[in-house]
Amino acid sequence: MQSRRTGKAYHLGTSRTERAAIYRFLSNDRVTLAELIRHSTQLDTERVTGRDVLCLLNACSISLGLSSRNEVRLAWADECGVINNNRTAGFNVMPSLLLDRNSGDCLGMGDLLIYSRAIASSNKDERDVQRKLREALDIEHKESASWLYSARNTAMQLEAAMRCTFVMDQGGDQYEVLQHLLAQTGAEFIVRSKIDRQAKDLEQERYGKMSYHLSEQPIWDERLTPIRALNHYSKSSGEMVVRTARAAQLELRAIKVKLDKPRQLKKHTPLIDQPLYLVEVRENESTVPAGEKPIHWKLLTTWEVEDKITALQVVDAYRSRWHVEQLFRVLKKSGVDIEKSQLDKPEKIKKLLVMALKASVDAIRLTNVRSGESFVPIEEMFNEEDRKILVKMNVEMSSQGTKVINSHDPESLAWAAWVIARIGGWDGYQSQRPPGPITMQRGLQELDRARFYATIFRGP
């Protein structure tokens, strides 16, 4: 999988014998999903020791409905669950992607969860009853516990890290999740707040909604910031989100708070006693295009935020969540295209998915080291045979003049990333947009073809 960079099992082998071996592997009951996950997320302790690690948590849905006319796939809904508001057979996957906060080096995955949602009743009254029953469950038995399980499993592998911070989107903004995360992992967190909670302003000693406390705060910082364009369906609301690329005038505020426990929670639910900091990023109306909503983030964190420098560090850490979104891009249609796998059992597709995620992390890692600002040894990803091929490719890719030349240390992973990006379609000019993970994914596919032909011409 790491060589061929495809989600189609048929393409993982170059001969009938190899393909048969792949299918036997995926069909073998002794090759369990749990063991594949353990192998794909096992970390080298030396690589994380002493590091300031950001653990990026997010989930994405994997559709198994190749076509609405595919009756076999429709029948899978009873076996593996559904996504997309009860319409499509599929499941959700939540990787824990690890980054070194200082260097940006991708350290791998600390955990990987695959979970599904049962088909809901078609009767509205019955659905309401089921929802109330779910709300009465303890957090350990709710779907939102996926954030907690992933964090807990990851934290066990990061005991040697200097600091471990879980970075979560709005799905992780559950009081019980945050309380359990603090109590069971001892780690830090940064979460985008979805709920306008009741809280106490610890500086002014007054109670109120978080939005009220923020509205009373002066602006700490104001700056023009380049914002990427968006054009996708929201995972939370299902609505189309369109955002124009622009330089946004962003205002920064922060405050120290203590959260009130929501009234609907059970009496025995423990309190979050630890003071938290609330950092707000809000776009000034002057830069909001007509018909669009302003950028507005409210970030709850355990990091101590005493000035605008530390507040901006919180914002930068949250923005690094973009890397896990890029991982999903590589996994899906733009890269490995795991949803187009035509395997005949959901369990086989889940096994292939785990291997595909492990392989897709390589493209993220190459993207993050491309600048060469921090030194990562090339042997962490490529063996001696690969390096010989890359050396020859580098000569070919650097032959267009001094403006297109690999200036990185040949012993560094950044040097290899430059070559991989070039064979993936990047022109190599510094004035050009830097290569992204899809370009790296294409480059890794080209490297595999070069390996194949090198083996043929080398002979027995």
Protein backbone atom coordinates (compact mmCIF):
# COMPACT_ATOMS: atom_id res chain seq x y z
CA MET A 1 0.00 0.00 0.00
CA GLN A 2 2.81 2.46 0.84
CA SER A 3 4.42 1.70 -2.54
CA ARG A 4 1.40 1.62 -4.85
CA ARG A 5 -0.58 4.50 -3.27
CA THR A 6 -4.01 3.20 -4.30
CA GLY A 7 -7.21 2.17 -2.56
CA LYS A 8 -8.05 -0.44 -5.17
CA ALA A 9 -6.89 -3.87 -4.01
CA TYR A 10 -6.66 -5.06 -7.63
CA HIS A 11 -3.92 -2.49 -8.32
CA LEU A 12 -1.80 -3.43 -5.31
CA GLY A 13 -0.25 -6.36 -7.16
CA THR A 14 1.49 -6.47 -10.56
CA SER A 15 0.72 -10.14 -11.24
CA ARG A 16 -2.14 -12.54 -10.72
CA THR A 17 -0.19 -14.25 -7.93
CA GLU A 18 0.40 -10.97 -6.08
CA ARG A 19 -3.24 -9.94 -6.41
CA ALA A 20 -4.40 -13.31 -5.10
CA ALA A 21 -2.08 -12.88 -2.12
CA ILE A 22 -3.57 -9.43 -1.39
CA TYR A 23 -7.12 -10.79 -1.43
CA ARG A 24 -6.14 -13.73 0.79
CA PHE A 25 -4.51 -11.33 3.24
CA LEU A 26 -7.63 -9.13 3.47
CA SER A 27 -9.90 -12.18 3.76
CA ASN A 28 -7.83 -13.92 6.45
CA ASP A 29 -9.70 -13.93 9.76
CA ARG A 30 -6.38 -14.12 11.62
CA VAL A 31 -5.49 -10.69 10.18
CA THR A 32 -7.70 -8.72 12.54
CA LEU A 33 -8.67 -5.08 12.23
CA ALA A 34 -7.44 -4.41 15.76
CA GLU A 35 -3.99 -5.83 14.98
CA LEU A 36 -3.71 -3.76 11.78
CA ILE A 37 -4.61 -0.62 13.73
CA ARG A 38 -2.07 -1.44 16.43
CA HIS A 39 0.66 -1.93 13.82
CA SER A 40 -0.27 1.24 11.90
CA THR A 41 -0.36 3.48 14.98
CA GLN A 42 2.58 2.13 16.98
CA LEU A 43 4.99 4.98 17.72
CA ASP A 44 8.74 4.95 18.15
CA THR A 45 9.25 6.29 21.69
CA GLU A 46 12.53 7.96 20.72
CA ARG A 47 10.79 10.02 18.04
CA VAL A 48 8.36 11.61 20.51
CA THR A 49 10.61 11.93 23.57
CA GLY A 50 10.95 15.55 24.72
CA ARG A 51 8.75 16.93 21.94
CA ASP A 52 5.88 19.40 22.15
CA VAL A 53 3.28 17.27 20.35
CA LEU A 54 0.00 18.42 18.80
CA CYS A 55 -2.52 15.58 18.47
CA LEU A 56 -4.98 16.54 15.74
CA LEU A 57 -8.30 14.73 16.17
CA ASN A 58 -11.02 14.74 13.54
CA ALA A 59 -13.39 12.29 11.89
CA CYS A 60 -14.50 11.76 8.32
CA SER A 61 -17.11 9.49 6.77
CA ILE A 62 -16.28 6.68 4.36
CA SER A 63 -19.09 5.90 1.93
CA LEU A 64 -19.55 2.33 0.76
CA GLY A 65 -22.37 3.19 -1.64
CA LEU A 66 -20.63 3.09 -5.01
CA SER A 67 -24.00 3.52 -6.66
CA SER A 68 -27.56 3.92 -5.45
CA ARG A 69 -28.39 0.99 -7.75
CA ASN A 70 -25.90 -1.33 -6.09
CA GLU A 71 -28.24 -3.58 -4.11
CA VAL A 72 -25.39 -5.49 -2.44
CA ARG A 73 -23.89 -2.29 -1.04
CA LEU A 74 -27.32 -1.05 0.11
CA ALA A 75 -27.74 -4.27 2.09
CA TRP A 76 -24.47 -3.52 3.93
CA ALA A 77 -26.20 -0.78 5.91
CA ASP A 78 -27.56 -3.37 8.36
CA GLU A 79 -24.08 -4.84 8.82
CA CYS A 80 -21.78 -1.80 8.97
CA GLY A 81 -24.08 1.15 9.68
CA VAL A 82 -24.89 4.33 7.77
CA ILE A 83 -23.65 7.87 7.11
CA ASN A 84 -25.07 10.95 5.37
CA ASN A 85 -28.25 11.23 7.44
CA ASN A 86 -29.22 7.56 7.25
CA ARG A 87 -29.00 7.34 3.45
CA THR A 88 -25.70 5.59 2.63
CA ALA A 89 -23.96 2.48 3.92
CA GLY A 90 -20.61 3.43 5.45
CA PHE A 91 -18.66 4.19 8.61
CA ASN A 92 -16.62 6.92 10.24
CA VAL A 93 -12.88 6.97 10.83
CA MET A 94 -11.04 9.12 13.38
CA PRO A 95 -7.23 9.19 13.20
CA SER A 96 -5.06 10.97 15.74
CA LEU A 97 -2.46 12.72 13.57
CA LEU A 98 0.65 13.84 15.46
CA LEU A 99 2.77 16.92 14.70
CA ASP A 100 5.82 18.41 16.39
CA ARG A 101 4.52 21.90 17.25
CA ASN A 102 7.93 23.53 16.80
CA SER A 103 9.18 21.88 13.60
CA GLY A 104 5.90 20.78 11.98
CA ASP A 105 7.33 17.28 11.48
CA CYS A 106 4.56 14.68 11.10
CA LEU A 107 5.24 11.93 13.65
CA GLY A 108 2.59 9.46 12.48
CA MET A 109 -0.73 8.40 14.01
CA GLY A 110 -1.21 7.84 17.72
CA ASP A 111 -4.54 6.03 17.35
CA LEU A 112 -7.24 5.18 14.85
CA LEU A 113 -10.93 4.56 15.53
CA ILE A 114 -13.47 3.14 13.10
CA TYR A 115 -17.09 3.37 14.22
CA SER A 116 -20.55 3.42 12.69
CA ARG A 117 -24.11 4.56 13.39
CA ALA A 118 -27.07 2.16 13.33
CA ILE A 119 -29.95 2.76 10.95
CA ALA A 120 -32.45 5.04 12.63
CA SER A 121 -36.15 4.33 12.61
CA SER A 122 -38.10 5.99 9.80
CA ASN A 123 -40.83 7.02 12.25
CA LYS A 124 -40.23 10.46 13.79
CA ASP A 125 -41.75 9.59 17.17
CA GLU A 126 -39.59 6.48 17.41
CA ARG A 127 -36.49 8.49 16.46
CA ASP A 128 -37.29 11.00 19.23
CA VAL A 129 -37.56 8.17 21.75
CA GLN A 130 -34.23 6.71 20.58
CA ARG A 131 -32.56 10.13 20.85
CA LYS A 132 -33.77 10.59 24.43
CA LEU A 133 -32.50 7.13 25.34
CA ARG A 134 -29.08 7.99 23.88
CA GLU A 135 -28.96 11.28 25.81
CA ALA A 136 -29.49 9.37 29.07
CA LEU A 137 -26.45 7.16 28.47
CA ASP A 138 -23.12 7.74 30.19
CA ILE A 139 -20.50 9.41 28.00
CA GLU A 140 -18.62 6.11 27.58
CA HIS A 141 -21.58 4.73 25.59
CA LYS A 142 -22.24 7.75 23.37
CA GLU A 143 -20.83 8.39 19.90
CA SER A 144 -19.08 11.51 21.20
CA ALA A 145 -16.92 9.20 23.34
CA SER A 146 -14.90 8.55 20.16
CA TRP A 147 -12.98 11.78 20.94
CA LEU A 148 -12.24 10.51 24.44
CA TYR A 149 -11.18 7.00 23.39
CA SER A 150 -8.85 8.29 20.70
CA ALA A 151 -7.28 10.81 23.09
CA ARG A 152 -6.85 8.24 25.84
CA ASN A 153 -5.20 5.68 23.54
CA THR A 154 -2.91 8.32 22.05
CA ALA A 155 -1.85 9.74 25.42
CA MET A 156 -0.62 6.32 26.54
CA GLN A 157 1.94 6.42 23.70
CA LEU A 158 3.07 9.97 24.44
CA GLU A 159 4.16 9.70 28.06
CA ALA A 160 7.74 10.60 27.03
CA ALA A 161 6.65 13.77 25.21
CA MET A 162 7.38 17.15 26.79
CA ARG A 163 3.75 18.17 26.26
CA CYS A 164 0.74 16.59 24.57
CA THR A 165 -2.08 18.85 23.33
CA PHE A 166 -5.26 17.51 21.73
CA VAL A 167 -6.59 19.84 19.03
CA MET A 168 -10.27 19.26 18.28
CA ASP A 169 -13.00 20.79 16.18
CA GLN A 170 -16.52 21.57 17.39
CA GLY A 171 -17.45 17.87 17.59
CA GLY A 172 -15.20 17.53 20.63
CA ASP A 173 -16.89 20.38 22.50
CA GLN A 174 -18.76 18.24 25.02
CA TYR A 175 -18.44 19.03 28.75
CA GLU A 176 -18.16 15.33 29.63
CA VAL A 177 -15.54 14.72 26.94
CA LEU A 178 -13.38 17.58 28.18
CA GLN A 179 -13.75 16.53 31.82
CA HIS A 180 -12.81 12.91 31.08
CA LEU A 181 -9.93 13.99 28.85
CA LEU A 182 -8.42 16.06 31.66
CA ALA A 183 -8.98 13.39 34.30
CA GLN A 184 -7.85 10.37 32.28
CA THR A 185 -4.98 11.67 30.14
CA GLY A 186 -3.45 14.59 32.05
CA ALA A 187 -2.91 16.22 28.67
CA GLU A 188 -3.73 19.70 27.37
CA PHE A 189 -6.43 20.55 24.85
CA ILE A 190 -7.53 23.21 22.38
CA VAL A 191 -11.12 22.82 21.18
CA ARG A 192 -13.29 25.04 19.04
CA SER A 193 -16.33 25.83 21.14
CA LYS A 194 -19.69 25.10 19.55
CA ILE A 195 -21.79 25.85 22.63
CA ASP A 196 -22.11 29.32 24.15
CA ARG A 197 -21.68 28.06 27.71
CA GLN A 198 -22.35 29.66 31.05
CA ALA A 199 -19.01 30.49 32.66
CA LYS A 200 -17.42 32.64 35.33
CA ASP A 201 -15.06 35.45 34.32
CA LEU A 202 -12.26 34.82 36.80
CA GLU A 203 -10.84 38.32 36.44
CA GLN A 204 -14.08 40.25 36.96
CA GLU A 205 -15.69 37.61 39.24
CA ARG A 206 -18.97 37.60 37.34
CA TYR A 207 -21.16 34.98 35.65
CA GLY A 208 -22.66 34.94 32.16
CA LYS A 209 -22.44 33.46 28.71
CA MET A 210 -18.99 33.17 27.16
CA SER A 211 -20.07 35.47 24.33
CA TYR A 212 -20.99 38.15 26.90
CA HIS A 213 -17.61 37.92 28.64
CA LEU A 214 -15.80 38.23 25.31
CA SER A 215 -17.87 41.24 24.23
CA GLU A 216 -16.63 43.08 27.34
CA GLN A 217 -12.97 42.46 26.49
CA PRO A 218 -10.75 44.92 24.57
CA ILE A 219 -9.15 43.80 21.30
CA TRP A 220 -5.70 42.33 22.03
CA ASP A 221 -4.52 42.31 18.45
CA GLU A 222 -5.81 43.09 14.97
CA ARG A 223 -4.17 42.04 11.71
CA LEU A 224 -4.79 41.18 8.06
CA THR A 225 -4.47 37.41 7.59
CA PRO A 226 -4.62 35.43 4.30
CA ILE A 227 -7.56 33.00 4.34
CA ARG A 228 -7.97 29.96 2.06
CA ALA A 229 -11.09 29.48 -0.05
CA LEU A 230 -13.60 26.80 0.96
CA ASN A 231 -16.24 24.97 -1.05
CA HIS A 232 -17.55 21.88 0.72
CA TYR A 233 -20.43 20.41 2.70
CA SER A 234 -20.28 20.95 6.44
CA LYS A 235 -19.89 17.70 8.42
CA SER A 236 -22.01 19.11 11.25
CA SER A 237 -24.90 20.79 9.41
CA GLY A 238 -24.73 19.15 5.98
CA GLU A 239 -25.00 22.60 4.37
CA MET A 240 -22.75 23.85 1.59
CA VAL A 241 -19.99 26.10 2.97
CA VAL A 242 -18.56 28.63 0.52
CA ARG A 243 -15.75 30.96 1.57
CA THR A 244 -13.90 33.35 -0.68
CA ALA A 245 -10.11 33.48 -0.45
CA ARG A 246 -9.19 36.86 0.97
CA ALA A 247 -7.09 38.90 3.36
CA ALA A 248 -9.32 38.97 6.43
CA GLN A 249 -9.10 41.60 9.15
CA LEU A 250 -9.08 39.41 12.27
CA GLU A 251 -9.60 40.65 15.82
CA LEU A 252 -8.18 38.75 18.78
CA ARG A 253 -9.52 38.63 22.35
CA ALA A 254 -8.95 36.30 25.31
CA ILE A 255 -10.25 35.75 28.84
CA LYS A 256 -9.75 33.35 31.76
CA VAL A 257 -12.90 31.42 32.71
CA LYS A 258 -14.29 28.57 34.74
CA LEU A 259 -17.07 26.58 33.05
CA ASP A 260 -20.40 25.88 34.72
CA LYS A 261 -21.59 22.29 34.53
CA PRO A 262 -24.62 22.06 32.17
CA ARG A 263 -27.87 21.54 34.07
CA GLN A 264 -28.98 18.55 31.98
CA LEU A 265 -25.99 16.44 33.04
CA LYS A 266 -26.37 13.87 35.79
CA LYS A 267 -25.55 14.91 39.34
CA HIS A 268 -22.67 12.47 39.59
CA THR A 269 -20.93 13.97 36.52
CA PRO A 270 -17.60 15.38 37.83
CA LEU A 271 -16.86 19.08 37.54
CA ILE A 272 -14.12 20.70 35.47
CA ASP A 273 -12.35 22.46 38.32
CA GLN A 274 -9.39 23.62 36.25
CA PRO A 275 -9.52 27.24 34.98
CA LEU A 276 -9.54 27.47 31.19
CA TYR A 277 -8.75 30.24 28.73
CA LEU A 278 -11.13 31.35 26.01
CA VAL A 279 -9.53 32.81 22.87
CA GLU A 280 -11.72 34.48 20.26
CA VAL A 281 -10.86 35.20 16.64
CA ARG A 282 -13.49 37.30 14.87
CA GLU A 283 -13.39 38.83 11.40
CA ASN A 284 -14.14 42.52 11.10
CA GLU A 285 -17.22 43.15 8.96
CA SER A 286 -15.13 45.36 6.64
CA THR A 287 -13.48 42.33 4.97
CA VAL A 288 -16.49 39.97 4.83
CA PRO A 289 -17.71 39.41 1.23
CA ALA A 290 -21.42 39.99 0.55
CA GLY A 291 -23.52 36.93 1.32
CA GLU A 292 -20.87 35.22 3.48
CA LYS A 293 -20.54 34.82 7.23
CA PRO A 294 -17.54 36.29 9.05
CA ILE A 295 -14.83 33.98 10.36
CA HIS A 296 -15.51 33.42 14.05
CA TRP A 297 -13.64 30.97 16.29
CA LYS A 298 -14.04 30.60 20.05
CA LEU A 299 -11.22 28.35 21.28
CA LEU A 300 -11.24 26.82 24.76
CA THR A 301 -7.82 25.73 25.98
CA THR A 302 -5.87 24.59 29.00
CA TRP A 303 -2.82 26.59 27.81
CA GLU A 304 -2.12 29.65 29.92
CA VAL A 305 -2.91 32.71 27.81
CA GLU A 306 -1.49 35.81 29.46
CA ASP A 307 -0.75 37.98 26.40
CA LYS A 308 -1.35 38.23 22.67
CA ILE A 309 1.75 36.14 21.85
CA THR A 310 0.41 33.08 23.70
CA ALA A 311 -3.09 33.74 22.34
CA LEU A 312 -1.72 33.68 18.77
CA GLN A 313 0.11 30.44 19.57
CA VAL A 314 -3.24 28.88 20.49
CA VAL A 315 -4.73 30.09 17.20
CA ASP A 316 -1.76 28.73 15.21
CA ALA A 317 -2.08 25.36 16.97
CA TYR A 318 -5.77 25.19 16.09
CA ARG A 319 -5.05 26.12 12.47
CA SER A 320 -2.72 23.11 12.26
CA ARG A 321 -5.91 21.01 12.14
CA TRP A 322 -5.69 21.72 8.42
CA HIS A 323 -3.16 18.87 8.19
CA VAL A 324 -5.69 16.22 9.18
CA GLU A 325 -8.12 17.64 6.59
CA GLN A 326 -5.33 17.24 4.04
CA LEU A 327 -4.87 13.64 5.20
CA PHE A 328 -8.52 13.00 4.34
CA ARG A 329 -7.98 14.57 0.89
CA VAL A 330 -5.15 12.13 0.20
CA LEU A 331 -7.27 9.24 1.47
CA LYS A 332 -10.29 10.04 -0.66
CA LYS A 333 -10.99 11.00 -4.28
CA SER A 334 -8.01 13.30 -4.84
CA GLY A 335 -5.48 10.66 -3.78
CA VAL A 336 -5.82 7.00 -2.75
CA ASP A 337 -9.58 7.04 -3.53
CA ILE A 338 -10.45 4.47 -0.86
CA GLU A 339 -14.20 4.86 -1.45
CA LYS A 340 -13.86 3.38 -4.94
CA SER A 341 -12.58 0.08 -3.56
CA GLN A 342 -14.72 -2.76 -4.93
CA LEU A 343 -14.00 -5.35 -2.25
CA ASP A 344 -16.99 -7.55 -1.45
CA LYS A 345 -17.10 -7.23 2.35
CA PRO A 346 -17.17 -4.17 4.65
CA GLU A 347 -14.57 -5.74 6.96
CA LYS A 348 -12.11 -6.07 4.06
CA ILE A 349 -12.60 -2.41 3.18
CA LYS A 350 -11.94 -1.43 6.80
CA LYS A 351 -8.63 -3.34 6.73
CA LEU A 352 -7.69 -1.65 3.46
CA LEU A 353 -8.68 1.72 4.95
CA VAL A 354 -6.27 1.30 7.88
CA MET A 355 -3.38 0.53 5.51
CA ALA A 356 -4.38 3.41 3.24
CA LEU A 357 -4.31 5.88 6.15
CA LYS A 358 -0.88 4.65 7.20
CA ALA A 359 0.36 5.15 3.64
CA SER A 360 -1.33 8.57 3.27
CA VAL A 361 0.57 9.94 6.28
CA ASP A 362 3.74 9.79 4.13
CA ALA A 363 2.38 12.49 1.81
CA ILE A 364 1.59 14.73 4.79
CA ARG A 365 5.05 14.20 6.23
CA LEU A 366 6.82 15.11 2.98
CA THR A 367 4.65 18.23 2.67
CA ASN A 368 5.56 19.35 6.18
CA VAL A 369 9.33 18.95 5.74
CA ARG A 370 9.52 20.48 2.25
CA SER A 371 10.93 23.81 3.53
CA GLY A 372 13.96 22.18 5.17
CA GLU A 373 13.69 24.49 8.19
CA SER A 374 14.25 21.50 10.48
CA PHE A 375 16.52 18.56 9.67
CA VAL A 376 14.89 15.11 9.37
CA PRO A 377 17.15 12.25 8.18
CA ILE A 378 16.20 10.87 4.79
CA GLU A 379 16.55 7.26 6.01
CA GLU A 380 13.46 7.72 8.19
CA MET A 381 11.39 7.23 5.00
CA PHE A 382 13.63 5.90 2.22
CA ASN A 383 16.06 2.98 2.04
CA GLU A 384 19.35 2.83 0.13
CA GLU A 385 17.75 1.57 -3.11
CA ASP A 386 15.19 4.38 -3.03
CA ARG A 387 17.96 6.92 -2.50
CA LYS A 388 19.84 5.70 -5.59
CA ILE A 389 16.69 6.22 -7.68
CA LEU A 390 16.06 9.64 -6.11
CA VAL A 391 19.64 10.74 -6.87
CA LYS A 392 19.14 9.98 -10.58
CA MET A 393 15.75 11.68 -10.60
CA ASN A 394 17.24 14.72 -8.88
CA VAL A 395 19.81 15.11 -11.64
CA GLU A 396 17.06 14.97 -14.26
CA MET A 397 14.73 17.32 -12.38
CA SER A 398 17.50 19.90 -11.72
CA SER A 399 18.65 20.19 -15.34
CA GLN A 400 16.57 23.23 -16.33
CA GLY A 401 18.90 25.90 -14.97
CA THR A 402 19.95 27.39 -11.67
CA LYS A 403 16.41 28.57 -10.82
CA VAL A 404 15.26 24.95 -10.59
CA ILE A 405 17.75 23.26 -8.32
CA ASN A 406 17.52 21.18 -5.18
CA SER A 407 19.34 23.24 -2.55
CA HIS A 408 18.55 20.97 0.41
CA ASP A 409 21.02 18.71 2.22
CA PRO A 410 21.07 15.33 0.35
CA GLU A 411 20.96 13.59 3.73
CA SER A 412 17.69 15.31 4.65
CA LEU A 413 14.09 14.31 4.04
CA ALA A 414 13.51 17.82 2.64
CA TRP A 415 15.88 16.94 -0.24
CA ALA A 416 13.78 13.84 -1.01
CA ALA A 417 10.57 15.87 -0.70
CA TRP A 418 11.86 18.30 -3.37
CA VAL A 419 12.50 15.42 -5.79
CA ILE A 420 9.16 13.74 -5.01
CA ALA A 421 7.32 17.04 -5.59
CA ARG A 422 9.09 17.57 -8.93
CA ILE A 423 8.17 14.14 -10.28
CA GLY A 424 4.65 14.71 -8.91
CA GLY A 425 4.17 17.73 -11.18
CA TRP A 426 5.61 20.71 -9.29
CA ASP A 427 7.69 23.05 -11.50
CA GLY A 428 10.24 23.79 -8.77
CA TYR A 429 10.24 27.60 -8.88
CA GLN A 430 10.38 29.41 -5.54
CA SER A 431 7.85 31.94 -6.83
CA GLN A 432 5.38 29.10 -7.41
CA ARG A 433 2.91 27.86 -4.82
CA PRO A 434 4.63 25.21 -2.64
CA PRO A 435 3.72 21.57 -3.41
CA GLY A 436 0.90 20.07 -1.35
CA PRO A 437 0.09 16.52 -0.25
CA ILE A 438 -1.70 15.57 -3.48
CA THR A 439 1.42 16.51 -5.45
CA MET A 440 3.50 14.46 -3.01
CA GLN A 441 1.06 11.57 -3.40
CA ARG A 442 1.50 11.65 -7.19
CA GLY A 443 5.27 11.84 -6.77
CA LEU A 444 5.30 8.78 -4.52
CA GLN A 445 3.31 6.89 -7.17
CA GLU A 446 5.93 7.86 -9.76
CA LEU A 447 8.69 6.67 -7.43
CA ASP A 448 6.97 3.28 -7.18
CA ARG A 449 6.90 3.00 -10.98
CA ALA A 450 10.60 3.83 -11.05
CA ARG A 451 11.25 1.10 -8.44
CA PHE A 452 9.37 -1.40 -10.60
CA TYR A 453 11.29 -0.62 -13.79
CA ALA A 454 14.58 -0.48 -11.90
CA THR A 455 13.92 -4.05 -10.73
CA ILE A 456 13.18 -5.19 -14.29
CA PHE A 457 16.31 -3.67 -15.83
CA ARG A 458 18.53 -4.80 -12.96
CA GLY A 459 17.53 -8.40 -13.64
CA PRO A 460 17.93 -11.41 -11.36
